[in-house]
C-alpha cells in the first residue's frame, strides 16, 4: 500500500505517472492486481493497493533498473515508500 497526498495542481501528473507505473508493473512476474482509491470529498489523498504473489516478487520488481524510469512522467512523482502487509487468517472470517 502507498498513500499519496498531493498538491491539487499535480493531480493529472500523478494519475498519468500511476498509470504508466501500473502498466510497467503488470508485466512483472508475480504481479496480481492493483487498485487506486481517491479519498472522498475534497481531500487530495490517494491510496494505491497492489497485490503480489510474494514479497520476493514485489522486491524483484522494485529492484528492476527499469522501475520508475520507465516513463518521464513517473520520474516527476515523489513515490512514498510502500507498506507491505501479509494477509492473516482469522477463524470463521477470512483465510490467509
PDB file of N, CA and C in Angstrom:
ATOM      1  N   UNK A   1       0.840  -1.180   0.000  1.00  0.00           N
ATOM      2  CA  UNK A   1       0.000   0.000   0.000  1.00  0.00           C
ATOM      3  C   UNK A   1       0.878   1.234   0.000  1.00  0.00           C
ATOM      4  N   UNK A   2       0.419   2.241  -0.704  1.00  0.00           N
ATOM      5  CA  UNK A   2       1.061   3.548  -0.698  1.00  0.00           C
ATOM      6  C   UNK A   2      -0.034   4.581  -0.494  1.00  0.00           C
ATOM      7  N   UNK A   3       0.261   5.604   0.286  1.00  0.00           N
ATOM      8  CA  UNK A   3      -0.653   6.730   0.442  1.00  0.00           C
ATOM      9  C   UNK A   3       0.030   7.956  -0.131  1.00  0.00           C
ATOM     10  N   UNK A   4      -0.686   8.671  -0.994  1.00  0.00           N
ATOM     11  CA  UNK A   4      -0.174   9.875  -1.641  1.00  0.00           C
ATOM     12  C   UNK A   4      -1.071  11.039  -1.256  1.00  0.00           C
ATOM     13  N   UNK A   5      -0.502  12.103  -0.734  1.00  0.00           N
ATOM     14  CA  UNK A   5      -1.246  13.340  -0.516  1.00  0.00           C
ATOM     15  C   UNK A   5      -0.639  14.367  -1.447  1.00  0.00           C
ATOM     16  N   UNK A   6      -1.449  14.850  -2.375  1.00  0.00           N
ATOM     17  CA  UNK A   6      -0.959  15.676  -3.466  1.00  0.00           C
ATOM     18  C   UNK A   6      -1.287  17.146  -3.296  1.00  0.00           C
ATOM     19  N   UNK A   7      -0.535  17.952  -3.975  1.00  0.00           N
ATOM     20  CA  UNK A   7      -0.946  19.312  -4.267  1.00  0.00           C
ATOM     21  C   UNK A   7      -1.949  19.145  -5.407  1.00  0.00           C
ATOM     22  N   UNK A   8      -3.117  19.738  -5.304  1.00  0.00           N
ATOM     23  CA  UNK A   8      -4.157  19.538  -6.329  1.00  0.00           C
ATOM     24  C   UNK A   8      -3.661  19.857  -7.737  1.00  0.00           C
ATOM     25  N   UNK A   9      -2.707  20.750  -7.852  1.00  0.00           N
ATOM     26  CA  UNK A   9      -2.171  21.106  -9.170  1.00  0.00           C
ATOM     27  C   UNK A   9      -1.429  19.947  -9.819  1.00  0.00           C
ATOM     28  N   UNK A  10      -1.014  18.974  -9.022  1.00  0.00           N
ATOM     29  CA  UNK A  10      -0.232  17.845  -9.540  1.00  0.00           C
ATOM     30  C   UNK A  10      -1.081  16.606  -9.818  1.00  0.00           C
ATOM     31  N   UNK A  11      -2.385  16.705  -9.699  1.00  0.00           N
ATOM     32  CA  UNK A  11      -3.246  15.532  -9.830  1.00  0.00           C
ATOM     33  C   UNK A  11      -3.085  14.832 -11.172  1.00  0.00           C
ATOM     34  N   UNK A  12      -3.138  15.558 -12.268  1.00  0.00           N
ATOM     35  CA  UNK A  12      -3.061  14.920 -13.589  1.00  0.00           C
ATOM     36  C   UNK A  12      -1.694  14.277 -13.822  1.00  0.00           C
ATOM     37  N   UNK A  13      -0.627  14.929 -13.378  1.00  0.00           N
ATOM     38  CA  UNK A  13       0.713  14.334 -13.495  1.00  0.00           C
ATOM     39  C   UNK A  13       0.766  13.035 -12.696  1.00  0.00           C
ATOM     40  N   UNK A  14       0.231  13.066 -11.475  1.00  0.00           N
ATOM     41  CA  UNK A  14       0.223  11.871 -10.639  1.00  0.00           C
ATOM     42  C   UNK A  14      -0.566  10.742 -11.294  1.00  0.00           C
ATOM     43  N   UNK A  15      -1.767  11.039 -11.789  1.00  0.00           N
ATOM     44  CA  UNK A  15      -2.588   9.987 -12.395  1.00  0.00           C
ATOM     45  C   UNK A  15      -1.915   9.380 -13.620  1.00  0.00           C
ATOM     46  N   UNK A  16      -1.265  10.189 -14.421  1.00  0.00           N
ATOM     47  CA  UNK A  16      -0.521   9.671 -15.576  1.00  0.00           C
ATOM     48  C   UNK A  16       0.644   8.805 -15.111  1.00  0.00           C
ATOM     49  N   UNK A  17       1.370   9.273 -14.105  1.00  0.00           N
ATOM     50  CA  UNK A  17       2.512   8.511 -13.583  1.00  0.00           C
ATOM     51  C   UNK A  17       2.052   7.185 -12.981  1.00  0.00           C
ATOM     52  N   UNK A  18       0.946   7.219 -12.232  1.00  0.00           N
ATOM     53  CA  UNK A  18       0.442   5.986 -11.638  1.00  0.00           C
ATOM     54  C   UNK A  18       0.051   5.002 -12.740  1.00  0.00           C
ATOM     55  N   UNK A  19      -0.616   5.486 -13.761  1.00  0.00           N
ATOM     56  CA  UNK A  19      -0.995   4.639 -14.896  1.00  0.00           C
ATOM     57  C   UNK A  19       0.241   4.014 -15.540  1.00  0.00           C
ATOM     58  N   UNK A  20       1.242   4.830 -15.855  1.00  0.00           N
ATOM     59  CA  UNK A  20       2.453   4.321 -16.503  1.00  0.00           C
ATOM     60  C   UNK A  20       3.157   3.291 -15.627  1.00  0.00           C
ATOM     61  N   UNK A  21       3.215   3.564 -14.330  1.00  0.00           N
ATOM     62  CA  UNK A  21       3.851   2.631 -13.397  1.00  0.00           C
ATOM     63  C   UNK A  21       3.067   1.325 -13.324  1.00  0.00           C
ATOM     64  N   UNK A  22       1.740   1.422 -13.289  1.00  0.00           N
ATOM     65  CA  UNK A  22       0.912   0.216 -13.225  1.00  0.00           C
ATOM     66  C   UNK A  22       1.071  -0.642 -14.478  1.00  0.00           C
ATOM     67  N   UNK A  23       1.143  -0.001 -15.634  1.00  0.00           N
ATOM     68  CA  UNK A  23       1.362  -0.739 -16.884  1.00  0.00           C
ATOM     69  C   UNK A  23       2.691  -1.493 -16.811  1.00  0.00           C
ATOM     70  N   UNK A  24       3.728  -0.828 -16.322  1.00  0.00           N
ATOM     71  CA  UNK A  24       5.036  -1.472 -16.170  1.00  0.00           C
ATOM     72  C   UNK A  24       4.952  -2.648 -15.192  1.00  0.00           C
ATOM     73  N   UNK A  25       4.336  -2.441 -14.031  1.00  0.00           N
ATOM     74  CA  UNK A  25       4.280  -3.483 -13.002  1.00  0.00           C
ATOM     75  C   UNK A  25       3.458  -4.687 -13.457  1.00  0.00           C
ATOM     76  N   UNK A  26       2.422  -4.449 -14.268  1.00  0.00           N
ATOM     77  CA  UNK A  26       1.602  -5.566 -14.754  1.00  0.00           C
ATOM     78  C   UNK A  26       2.426  -6.574 -15.546  1.00  0.00           C
ATOM     79  N   UNK A  27       3.554  -6.149 -16.091  1.00  0.00           N
ATOM     80  CA  UNK A  27       4.408  -7.053 -16.878  1.00  0.00           C
ATOM     81  C   UNK A  27       5.436  -7.781 -16.007  1.00  0.00           C
ATOM     82  N   UNK A  28       5.495  -7.476 -14.732  1.00  0.00           N
ATOM     83  CA  UNK A  28       6.483  -8.095 -13.846  1.00  0.00           C
ATOM     84  C   UNK A  28       5.967  -9.431 -13.330  1.00  0.00           C
ATOM     85  N   UNK A  29       6.854 -10.418 -13.207  1.00  0.00           N
ATOM     86  CA  UNK A  29       6.450 -11.710 -12.641  1.00  0.00           C
ATOM     87  C   UNK A  29       5.904 -11.540 -11.222  1.00  0.00           C
ATOM     88  N   UNK A  30       4.828 -12.220 -10.928  1.00  0.00           N
ATOM     89  CA  UNK A  30       4.263 -12.210  -9.585  1.00  0.00           C
ATOM     90  C   UNK A  30       3.222 -11.139  -9.339  1.00  0.00           C
ATOM     91  N   UNK A  31       3.057 -10.220 -10.283  1.00  0.00           N
ATOM     92  CA  UNK A  31       2.047  -9.177 -10.122  1.00  0.00           C
ATOM     93  C   UNK A  31       0.662  -9.790 -10.276  1.00  0.00           C
ATOM     94  N   UNK A  32      -0.260  -9.442  -9.377  1.00  0.00           N
ATOM     95  CA  UNK A  32      -1.628  -9.937  -9.464  1.00  0.00           C
ATOM     96  C   UNK A  32      -2.581  -8.807  -9.846  1.00  0.00           C
ATOM     97  N   UNK A  33      -2.587  -7.724  -9.073  1.00  0.00           N
ATOM     98  CA  UNK A  33      -3.518  -6.634  -9.364  1.00  0.00           C
ATOM     99  C   UNK A  33      -3.117  -5.365  -8.628  1.00  0.00           C
ATOM    100  N   UNK A  34      -3.738  -4.274  -9.032  1.00  0.00           N
ATOM    101  CA  UNK A  34      -3.582  -3.010  -8.322  1.00  0.00           C
ATOM    102  C   UNK A  34      -4.880  -2.230  -8.430  1.00  0.00           C
ATOM    103  N   UNK A  35      -5.130  -1.389  -7.451  1.00  0.00           N
ATOM    104  CA  UNK A  35      -6.331  -0.555  -7.441  1.00  0.00           C
ATOM    105  C   UNK A  35      -5.986   0.779  -6.802  1.00  0.00           C
ATOM    106  N   UNK A  36      -6.355   1.856  -7.473  1.00  0.00           N
ATOM    107  CA  UNK A  36      -6.140   3.199  -6.943  1.00  0.00           C
ATOM    108  C   UNK A  36      -7.451   3.700  -6.355  1.00  0.00           C
ATOM    109  N   UNK A  37      -7.373   4.271  -5.156  1.00  0.00           N
ATOM    110  CA  UNK A  37      -8.543   4.827  -4.480  1.00  0.00           C
ATOM    111  C   UNK A  37      -8.299   6.311  -4.232  1.00  0.00           C
ATOM    112  N   UNK A  38      -9.340   7.118  -4.356  1.00  0.00           N
ATOM    113  CA  UNK A  38      -9.249   8.538  -4.028  1.00  0.00           C
ATOM    114  C   UNK A  38     -10.116   8.805  -2.815  1.00  0.00           C
ATOM    115  N   UNK A  39      -9.605   9.623  -1.907  1.00  0.00           N
ATOM    116  CA  UNK A  39     -10.368   9.972  -0.707  1.00  0.00           C
ATOM    117  C   UNK A  39     -11.668  10.671  -1.091  1.00  0.00           C
ATOM    118  N   UNK A  40     -12.681  10.453  -0.312  1.00  0.00           N
ATOM    119  CA  UNK A  40     -13.979  11.085  -0.529  1.00  0.00           C
ATOM    120  C   UNK A  40     -13.883  12.565  -0.169  1.00  0.00           C
ATOM    121  N   UNK A  41     -14.602  13.381  -0.892  1.00  0.00           N
ATOM    122  CA  UNK A  41     -14.630  14.815  -0.602  1.00  0.00           C
ATOM    123  C   UNK A  41     -13.519  15.557  -1.312  1.00  0.00           C
ATOM    124  N   UNK A  42     -13.059  16.608  -0.717  1.00  0.00           N
ATOM    125  CA  UNK A  42     -12.061  17.480  -1.334  1.00  0.00           C
ATOM    126  C   UNK A  42     -10.622  17.072  -1.041  1.00  0.00           C
ATOM    127  N   UNK A  43     -10.410  16.051  -0.267  1.00  0.00           N
ATOM    128  CA  UNK A  43      -9.049  15.630   0.085  1.00  0.00           C
ATOM    129  C   UNK A  43      -8.279  15.176  -1.153  1.00  0.00           C
ATOM    130  N   UNK A  44      -7.063  15.690  -1.342  1.00  0.00           N
ATOM    131  CA  UNK A  44      -6.245  15.255  -2.479  1.00  0.00           C
ATOM    132  C   UNK A  44      -5.396  14.025  -2.136  1.00  0.00           C
ATOM    133  N   UNK A  45      -5.975  13.089  -1.388  1.00  0.00           N
ATOM    134  CA  UNK A  45      -5.247  11.905  -0.937  1.00  0.00           C
ATOM    135  C   UNK A  45      -5.692  10.688  -1.735  1.00  0.00           C
ATOM    136  N   UNK A  46      -4.705   9.897  -2.130  1.00  0.00           N
ATOM    137  CA  UNK A  46      -4.938   8.675  -2.893  1.00  0.00           C
ATOM    138  C   UNK A  46      -4.278   7.510  -2.175  1.00  0.00           C
ATOM    139  N   UNK A  47      -4.862   6.334  -2.332  1.00  0.00           N
ATOM    140  CA  UNK A  47      -4.292   5.114  -1.766  1.00  0.00           C
ATOM    141  C   UNK A  47      -4.155   4.104  -2.901  1.00  0.00           C
ATOM    142  N   UNK A  48      -2.975   3.557  -3.046  1.00  0.00           N
ATOM    143  CA  UNK A  48      -2.728   2.500  -4.022  1.00  0.00           C
ATOM    144  C   UNK A  48      -2.646   1.187  -3.266  1.00  0.00           C
ATOM    145  N   UNK A  49      -3.408   0.212  -3.735  1.00  0.00           N
ATOM    146  CA  UNK A  49      -3.422  -1.120  -3.128  1.00  0.00           C
ATOM    147  C   UNK A  49      -3.027  -2.109  -4.205  1.00  0.00           C
ATOM    148  N   UNK A  50      -1.877  -2.745  -4.027  1.00  0.00           N
ATOM    149  CA  UNK A  50      -1.388  -3.708  -5.017  1.00  0.00           C
ATOM    150  C   UNK A  50      -1.249  -5.084  -4.380  1.00  0.00           C
ATOM    151  N   UNK A  51      -1.498  -6.106  -5.171  1.00  0.00           N
ATOM    152  CA  UNK A  51      -1.402  -7.490  -4.700  1.00  0.00           C
ATOM    153  C   UNK A  51      -0.333  -8.198  -5.525  1.00  0.00           C
ATOM    154  N   UNK A  52       0.586  -8.852  -4.823  1.00  0.00           N
ATOM    155  CA  UNK A  52       1.670  -9.611  -5.441  1.00  0.00           C
ATOM    156  C   UNK A  52       1.630 -11.044  -4.931  1.00  0.00           C
ATOM    157  N   UNK A  53       2.146 -11.968  -5.716  1.00  0.00           N
ATOM    158  CA  UNK A  53       2.196 -13.369  -5.295  1.00  0.00           C
ATOM    159  C   UNK A  53       3.049 -13.549  -4.052  1.00  0.00           C
ATOM    160  N   UNK A  54       4.110 -12.759  -3.938  1.00  0.00           N
ATOM    161  CA  UNK A  54       5.008 -12.892  -2.782  1.00  0.00           C
ATOM    162  C   UNK A  54       5.791 -11.599  -2.583  1.00  0.00           C
ATOM    163  N   UNK A  55       6.366 -11.471  -1.410  1.00  0.00           N
ATOM    164  CA  UNK A  55       7.242 -10.333  -1.118  1.00  0.00           C
ATOM    165  C   UNK A  55       8.460 -10.384  -2.027  1.00  0.00           C
ATOM    166  N   UNK A  56       8.943 -11.574  -2.323  1.00  0.00           N
ATOM    167  CA  UNK A  56      10.109 -11.708  -3.210  1.00  0.00           C
ATOM    168  C   UNK A  56       9.801 -11.155  -4.604  1.00  0.00           C
ATOM    169  N   UNK A  57       8.617 -11.445  -5.144  1.00  0.00           N
ATOM    170  CA  UNK A  57       8.236 -10.894  -6.449  1.00  0.00           C
ATOM    171  C   UNK A  57       8.165  -9.367  -6.393  1.00  0.00           C
ATOM    172  N   UNK A  58       7.576  -8.855  -5.327  1.00  0.00           N
ATOM    173  CA  UNK A  58       7.477  -7.403  -5.160  1.00  0.00           C
ATOM    174  C   UNK A  58       8.869  -6.778  -5.149  1.00  0.00           C
ATOM    175  N   UNK A  59       9.757  -7.316  -4.329  1.00  0.00           N
ATOM    176  CA  UNK A  59      11.121  -6.759  -4.232  1.00  0.00           C
ATOM    177  C   UNK A  59      11.850  -6.858  -5.578  1.00  0.00           C
ATOM    178  N   UNK A  60      11.678  -7.959  -6.270  1.00  0.00           N
ATOM    179  CA  UNK A  60      12.321  -8.126  -7.572  1.00  0.00           C
ATOM    180  C   UNK A  60      11.836  -7.053  -8.553  1.00  0.00           C
ATOM    181  N   UNK A  61      10.555  -6.776  -8.551  1.00  0.00           N
ATOM    182  CA  UNK A  61      10.007  -5.756  -9.453  1.00  0.00           C
ATOM    183  C   UNK A  61      10.569  -4.376  -9.131  1.00  0.00           C
ATOM    184  N   UNK A  62      10.720  -4.071  -7.856  1.00  0.00           N
ATOM    185  CA  UNK A  62      11.175  -2.736  -7.472  1.00  0.00           C
ATOM    186  C   UNK A  62      12.683  -2.575  -7.500  1.00  0.00           C
ATOM    187  N   UNK A  63      13.415  -3.649  -7.646  1.00  0.00           N
ATOM    188  CA  UNK A  63      14.867  -3.520  -7.818  1.00  0.00           C
ATOM    189  C   UNK A  63      15.251  -3.578  -9.294  1.00  0.00           C
ATOM    190  N   UNK A  64      14.267  -3.791 -10.153  1.00  0.00           N
ATOM    191  CA  UNK A  64      14.499  -3.779 -11.589  1.00  0.00           C
ATOM    192  C   UNK A  64      14.947  -2.375 -11.995  1.00  0.00           C
ATOM    193  N   UNK A  65      16.084  -2.244 -12.692  1.00  0.00           N
ATOM    194  CA  UNK A  65      16.575  -0.914 -13.073  1.00  0.00           C
ATOM    195  C   UNK A  65      15.586  -0.102 -13.901  1.00  0.00           C
ATOM    196  N   UNK A  66      14.677  -0.765 -14.610  1.00  0.00           N
ATOM    197  CA  UNK A  66      13.681  -0.051 -15.411  1.00  0.00           C
ATOM    198  C   UNK A  66      12.557   0.528 -14.557  1.00  0.00           C
ATOM    199  N   UNK A  67      12.407   0.024 -13.325  1.00  0.00           N
ATOM    200  CA  UNK A  67      11.338   0.502 -12.464  1.00  0.00           C
ATOM    201  C   UNK A  67      11.502   1.990 -12.190  1.00  0.00           C
ATOM    202  N   UNK A  68      10.386   2.712 -12.246  1.00  0.00           N
ATOM    203  CA  UNK A  68      10.330   4.160 -12.020  1.00  0.00           C
ATOM    204  C   UNK A  68      11.046   4.963 -13.092  1.00  0.00           C
ATOM    205  N   UNK A  69      11.851   4.311 -13.912  1.00  0.00           N
ATOM    206  CA  UNK A  69      12.496   5.021 -15.011  1.00  0.00           C
ATOM    207  C   UNK A  69      11.793   4.706 -16.315  1.00  0.00           C
ATOM    208  N   UNK A  70      10.675   3.983 -16.209  1.00  0.00           N
ATOM    209  CA  UNK A  70      10.000   3.524 -17.412  1.00  0.00           C
ATOM    210  C   UNK A  70       9.328   4.639 -18.204  1.00  0.00           C
ATOM    211  N   UNK A  71       9.044   5.765 -17.570  1.00  0.00           N
ATOM    212  CA  UNK A  71       8.482   6.892 -18.323  1.00  0.00           C
ATOM    213  C   UNK A  71       8.917   8.196 -17.673  1.00  0.00           C
ATOM    214  N   UNK A  72       9.044   9.243 -18.439  1.00  0.00           N
ATOM    215  CA  UNK A  72       9.420  10.534 -17.856  1.00  0.00           C
ATOM    216  C   UNK A  72       8.421  11.018 -16.810  1.00  0.00           C
ATOM    217  N   UNK A  73       7.154  10.664 -16.978  1.00  0.00           N
ATOM    218  CA  UNK A  73       6.138  11.109 -16.031  1.00  0.00           C
ATOM    219  C   UNK A  73       6.347  10.483 -14.662  1.00  0.00           C
ATOM    220  N   UNK A  74       6.704   9.196 -14.618  1.00  0.00           N
ATOM    221  CA  UNK A  74       6.875   8.551 -13.311  1.00  0.00           C
ATOM    222  C   UNK A  74       8.028   9.168 -12.538  1.00  0.00           C
ATOM    223  N   UNK A  75       9.005   9.725 -13.230  1.00  0.00           N
ATOM    224  CA  UNK A  75      10.132  10.358 -12.541  1.00  0.00           C
ATOM    225  C   UNK A  75       9.741  11.700 -11.924  1.00  0.00           C
ATOM    226  N   UNK A  76       8.602  12.262 -12.303  1.00  0.00           N
ATOM    227  CA  UNK A  76       8.156  13.540 -11.760  1.00  0.00           C
ATOM    228  C   UNK A  76       7.443  13.406 -10.414  1.00  0.00           C
ATOM    229  N   UNK A  77       7.068  12.192 -10.038  1.00  0.00           N
ATOM    230  CA  UNK A  77       6.292  11.975  -8.822  1.00  0.00           C
ATOM    231  C   UNK A  77       7.200  11.484  -7.700  1.00  0.00           C
ATOM    232  N   UNK A  78       6.991  12.037  -6.522  1.00  0.00           N
ATOM    233  CA  UNK A  78       7.697  11.534  -5.336  1.00  0.00           C
ATOM    234  C   UNK A  78       6.893  10.340  -4.821  1.00  0.00           C
ATOM    235  N   UNK A  79       7.463   9.155  -4.974  1.00  0.00           N
ATOM    236  CA  UNK A  79       6.773   7.921  -4.597  1.00  0.00           C
ATOM    237  C   UNK A  79       7.079   7.609  -3.135  1.00  0.00           C
ATOM    238  N   UNK A  80       6.075   7.622  -2.267  1.00  0.00           N
ATOM    239  CA  UNK A  80       6.333   7.282  -0.863  1.00  0.00           C
ATOM    240  C   UNK A  80       6.690   5.809  -0.744  1.00  0.00           C
ATOM    241  N   UNK A  81       7.448   5.469   0.290  1.00  0.00           N
ATOM    242  CA  UNK A  81       7.783   4.043   0.450  1.00  0.00           C
ATOM    243  C   UNK A  81       6.513   3.221   0.675  1.00  0.00           C
ATOM    244  N   UNK A  82       6.452   2.055   0.061  1.00  0.00           N
ATOM    245  CA  UNK A  82       5.264   1.210   0.246  1.00  0.00           C
ATOM    246  C   UNK A  82       5.280   0.542   1.614  1.00  0.00           C
ATOM    247  N   UNK A  83       4.115   0.207   2.082  1.00  0.00           N
ATOM    248  CA  UNK A  83       3.957  -0.590   3.295  1.00  0.00           C
ATOM    249  C   UNK A  83       3.495  -1.960   2.848  1.00  0.00           C
ATOM    250  N   UNK A  84       4.178  -2.997   3.308  1.00  0.00           N
ATOM    251  CA  UNK A  84       3.826  -4.367   2.930  1.00  0.00           C
ATOM    252  C   UNK A  84       3.029  -5.007   4.057  1.00  0.00           C
ATOM    253  N   UNK A  85       1.916  -5.615   3.707  1.00  0.00           N
ATOM    254  CA  UNK A  85       1.041  -6.247   4.679  1.00  0.00           C
ATOM    255  C   UNK A  85       0.729  -7.664   4.227  1.00  0.00           C
ATOM    256  N   UNK A  86       1.305  -8.675   4.881  1.00  0.00           N
ATOM    257  CA  UNK A  86       0.895 -10.040   4.527  1.00  0.00           C
ATOM    258  C   UNK A  86      -0.507 -10.306   5.078  1.00  0.00           C
ATOM    259  N   UNK A  87      -1.254 -11.112   4.338  1.00  0.00           N
ATOM    260  CA  UNK A  87      -2.589 -11.474   4.792  1.00  0.00           C
ATOM    261  C   UNK A  87      -2.485 -12.394   5.986  1.00  0.00           C
ATOM    262  N   UNK A  88      -3.472 -12.308   6.862  1.00  0.00           N
ATOM    263  CA  UNK A  88      -3.524 -13.218   8.009  1.00  0.00           C
ATOM    264  C   UNK A  88      -4.886 -13.889   8.030  1.00  0.00           C
ATOM    265  N   UNK A  89      -4.902 -15.069   8.569  1.00  0.00           N
ATOM    266  CA  UNK A  89      -6.157 -15.808   8.696  1.00  0.00           C
ATOM    267  C   UNK A  89      -6.822 -15.460  10.013  1.00  0.00           C
ATOM    268  N   UNK A  90      -8.126 -15.258   9.971  1.00  0.00           N
ATOM    269  CA  UNK A  90      -8.933 -15.045  11.169  1.00  0.00           C
ATOM    270  C   UNK A  90     -10.024 -16.108  11.118  1.00  0.00           C
ATOM    271  N   UNK A  91     -10.040 -17.029  12.083  1.00  0.00           N
ATOM    272  CA  UNK A  91     -11.017 -18.111  12.044  1.00  0.00           C
ATOM    273  C   UNK A  91     -12.445 -17.608  11.842  1.00  0.00           C
ATOM    274  N   UNK A  92     -13.148 -18.290  10.961  1.00  0.00           N
ATOM    275  CA  UNK A  92     -14.549 -18.010  10.624  1.00  0.00           C
ATOM    276  C   UNK A  92     -14.766 -16.658   9.925  1.00  0.00           C
ATOM    277  N   UNK A  93     -13.685 -15.969   9.567  1.00  0.00           N
ATOM    278  CA  UNK A  93     -13.823 -14.669   8.913  1.00  0.00           C
ATOM    279  C   UNK A  93     -13.116 -14.657   7.561  1.00  0.00           C
ATOM    280  N   UNK A  94     -11.813 -14.969   7.538  1.00  0.00           N
ATOM    281  CA  UNK A  94     -11.041 -14.900   6.292  1.00  0.00           C
ATOM    282  C   UNK A  94      -9.859 -15.858   6.352  1.00  0.00           C
ATOM    283  N   UNK A  95      -9.334 -16.189   5.170  1.00  0.00           N
ATOM    284  CA  UNK A  95      -8.169 -17.069   5.048  1.00  0.00           C
ATOM    285  C   UNK A  95      -6.960 -16.236   4.663  1.00  0.00           C
ATOM    286  N   UNK A  96      -5.787 -16.800   4.883  1.00  0.00           N
ATOM    287  CA  UNK A  96      -4.556 -16.079   4.535  1.00  0.00           C
ATOM    288  C   UNK A  96      -4.163 -16.300   3.110  1.00  0.00           C
TER     289      UNK A  96
END
